[in-house]
Amino acid sequence: MNINGGKQGSNEAGALLLAIQTVSNNLKEMIGQIVETSNKLNDSSSYLSNALDKTSNGVKDQFSAITESITKLNDMNTQSASASEEQRVATEQVNESMKNGISQENHTILMEIVKYYEALVELSVVLNTTVKQSKM
């Protein structure tokens, strides 16, 4: 009995050792897959983060360019409105000083010029209002 009992115990130990090795190999394989999946997730995360950074920077650059353009347009519009107002005032002053000394025909022509300048001032005000509204 000792001989059979010894062989049986040896067989059971061998089977147990084989089972442990199989489980160990399976665990190593699963851990390898987990590490591989984790690396892929890290790579994907890095790629996504870089893509978002580039997109964010592009949007910021575009927004800055738009803001700068609106500011320039507003400044140009303000200058245009100021120049138009100065021209209107100067035209009115010239008109007043010359009313007494010019003929009716010249006076009519000068009045037309005043109307054109006033229309220019109105257009400048409308443009200034439009630019201010587009900034909001």
Protein backbone atom coordinates (compact mmCIF):
# COMPACT_ATOMS: atom_id res chain seq x y z
CA MET A 1 0.00 0.00 0.00
CA ASN A 2 2.81 2.31 0.64
CA ILE A 3 4.03 2.04 -2.92
CA ASN A 4 0.58 2.72 -4.40
CA GLY A 5 -0.14 5.40 -1.83
CA GLY A 6 3.17 7.08 -2.63
CA LYS A 7 2.52 7.07 -6.37
CA GLN A 8 -0.98 8.39 -5.89
CA GLY A 9 0.26 11.23 -3.71
CA SER A 10 2.94 11.99 -6.24
CA ASN A 11 0.35 12.03 -9.06
CA GLU A 12 -1.92 14.35 -7.09
CA ALA A 13 0.98 16.68 -6.33
CA GLY A 14 1.96 16.65 -10.00
CA ALA A 15 -1.61 17.38 -11.06
CA LEU A 16 -1.82 20.17 -8.50
CA LEU A 17 1.48 21.62 -9.71
CA LEU A 18 0.28 21.45 -13.32
CA ALA A 19 -2.96 23.20 -12.36
CA ILE A 20 -1.02 25.92 -10.51
CA GLN A 21 1.26 26.41 -13.53
CA THR A 22 -1.76 26.62 -15.85
CA VAL A 23 -3.45 29.19 -13.59
CA SER A 24 -0.16 31.10 -13.32
CA ASN A 25 0.28 31.13 -17.13
CA ASN A 26 -3.32 32.26 -17.58
CA LEU A 27 -2.78 35.06 -15.04
CA LYS A 28 0.43 36.15 -16.81
CA GLU A 29 -1.44 36.23 -20.12
CA MET A 30 -4.32 38.24 -18.61
CA ILE A 31 -1.91 40.67 -16.96
CA GLY A 32 -0.13 41.07 -20.30
CA GLN A 33 -3.46 41.86 -21.99
CA ILE A 34 -4.35 44.32 -19.23
CA VAL A 35 -0.98 46.09 -19.62
CA GLU A 36 -1.41 46.18 -23.41
CA THR A 37 -4.95 47.59 -23.09
CA SER A 38 -3.76 50.11 -20.52
CA ASN A 39 -0.97 51.26 -22.86
CA LYS A 40 -3.44 51.63 -25.72
CA LEU A 41 -5.74 53.67 -23.48
CA ASN A 42 -2.82 55.90 -22.44
CA ASP A 43 -1.84 56.41 -26.09
CA SER A 44 -5.43 57.22 -27.04
CA SER A 45 -5.75 59.59 -24.11
CA SER A 46 -2.54 61.39 -25.08
CA TYR A 47 -3.67 61.65 -28.70
CA LEU A 48 -7.06 63.01 -27.66
CA SER A 49 -5.49 65.48 -25.24
CA ASN A 50 -3.11 66.76 -27.94
CA ALA A 51 -5.95 67.06 -30.45
CA LEU A 52 -8.06 69.01 -27.96
CA ASP A 53 -5.14 71.31 -27.15
CA LYS A 54 -4.56 72.03 -30.85
CA THR A 55 -8.26 72.67 -31.43
CA SER A 56 -8.50 74.89 -28.38
CA ASN A 57 -5.46 76.91 -29.45
CA GLY A 58 -6.88 77.26 -32.97
CA VAL A 59 -10.19 78.53 -31.63
CA LYS A 60 -8.39 80.97 -29.33
CA ASP A 61 -6.30 82.26 -32.24
CA GLN A 62 -9.38 82.69 -34.43
CA PHE A 63 -11.28 84.44 -31.66
CA SER A 64 -8.34 86.80 -31.10
CA ALA A 65 -8.17 87.57 -34.81
CA ILE A 66 -11.91 88.27 -34.95
CA THR A 67 -11.72 90.49 -31.87
CA GLU A 68 -8.78 92.39 -33.34
CA SER A 69 -10.62 92.89 -36.65
CA ILE A 70 -13.73 94.17 -34.89
CA THR A 71 -11.62 96.58 -32.85
CA LYS A 72 -9.91 97.88 -36.00
CA LEU A 73 -13.27 98.28 -37.75
CA ASN A 74 -14.67 100.12 -34.76
CA ASP A 75 -11.64 102.45 -34.65
CA MET A 76 -11.89 103.12 -38.38
CA ASN A 77 -15.62 103.75 -38.09
CA THR A 78 -15.08 106.16 -35.19
CA GLN A 79 -12.44 108.02 -37.21
CA SER A 80 -14.75 108.12 -40.22
CA ALA A 81 -17.62 109.44 -38.12
CA SER A 82 -15.38 112.11 -36.59
CA ALA A 83 -14.06 113.19 -39.99
CA SER A 84 -17.58 113.29 -41.41
CA GLU A 85 -18.77 115.43 -38.50
CA GLU A 86 -15.84 117.79 -38.94
CA GLN A 87 -16.60 118.06 -42.65
CA ARG A 88 -20.24 118.74 -41.93
CA VAL A 89 -19.41 121.50 -39.44
CA ALA A 90 -16.88 123.03 -41.82
CA THR A 91 -19.39 122.90 -44.67
CA GLU A 92 -22.01 124.60 -42.53
CA GLN A 93 -19.54 127.30 -41.55
CA VAL A 94 -18.54 127.86 -45.17
CA ASN A 95 -22.21 127.92 -46.14
CA GLU A 96 -23.04 130.50 -43.50
CA SER A 97 -20.12 132.76 -44.38
CA MET A 98 -20.81 132.60 -48.10
CA LYS A 99 -24.61 132.87 -48.06
CA ASN A 100 -24.55 136.62 -48.32
CA GLY A 101 -21.93 136.84 -51.06
CA ILE A 102 -22.82 134.10 -53.54
CA SER A 103 -25.50 133.80 -56.13
CA GLN A 104 -28.63 131.73 -55.60
CA GLU A 105 -27.33 129.05 -57.98
CA ASN A 106 -24.07 128.67 -56.09
CA HIS A 107 -26.01 128.62 -52.86
CA THR A 108 -28.20 125.76 -54.18
CA ILE A 109 -25.13 123.77 -55.19
CA LEU A 110 -23.57 124.33 -51.80
CA MET A 111 -26.77 123.19 -50.10
CA GLU A 112 -26.63 119.94 -52.12
CA ILE A 113 -23.08 119.43 -50.93
CA VAL A 114 -24.25 119.94 -47.35
CA LYS A 115 -26.96 117.33 -47.88
CA TYR A 116 -24.39 114.85 -49.20
CA TYR A 117 -22.16 115.45 -46.20
CA GLU A 118 -25.10 115.04 -43.84
CA ALA A 119 -25.99 111.76 -45.58
CA LEU A 120 -22.38 110.68 -45.16
CA VAL A 121 -22.56 111.49 -41.44
CA GLU A 122 -25.77 109.48 -41.12
CA LEU A 123 -24.20 106.52 -42.91
CA SER A 124 -21.19 106.75 -40.65
CA VAL A 125 -23.42 106.69 -37.56
CA VAL A 126 -25.30 103.66 -38.91
CA LEU A 127 -22.00 101.89 -39.62
CA ASN A 128 -20.73 102.71 -36.12
CA THR A 129 -23.93 101.32 -34.59
CA THR A 130 -23.71 98.16 -36.71
CA VAL A 131 -20.11 97.52 -35.69
CA LYS A 132 -20.93 98.06 -32.02
CA GLN A 133 -23.86 95.63 -32.26
CA SER A 134 -21.68 92.99 -33.96
CA LYS A 135 -19.17 93.25 -31.09
CA MET A 136 -21.85 92.22 -28.63
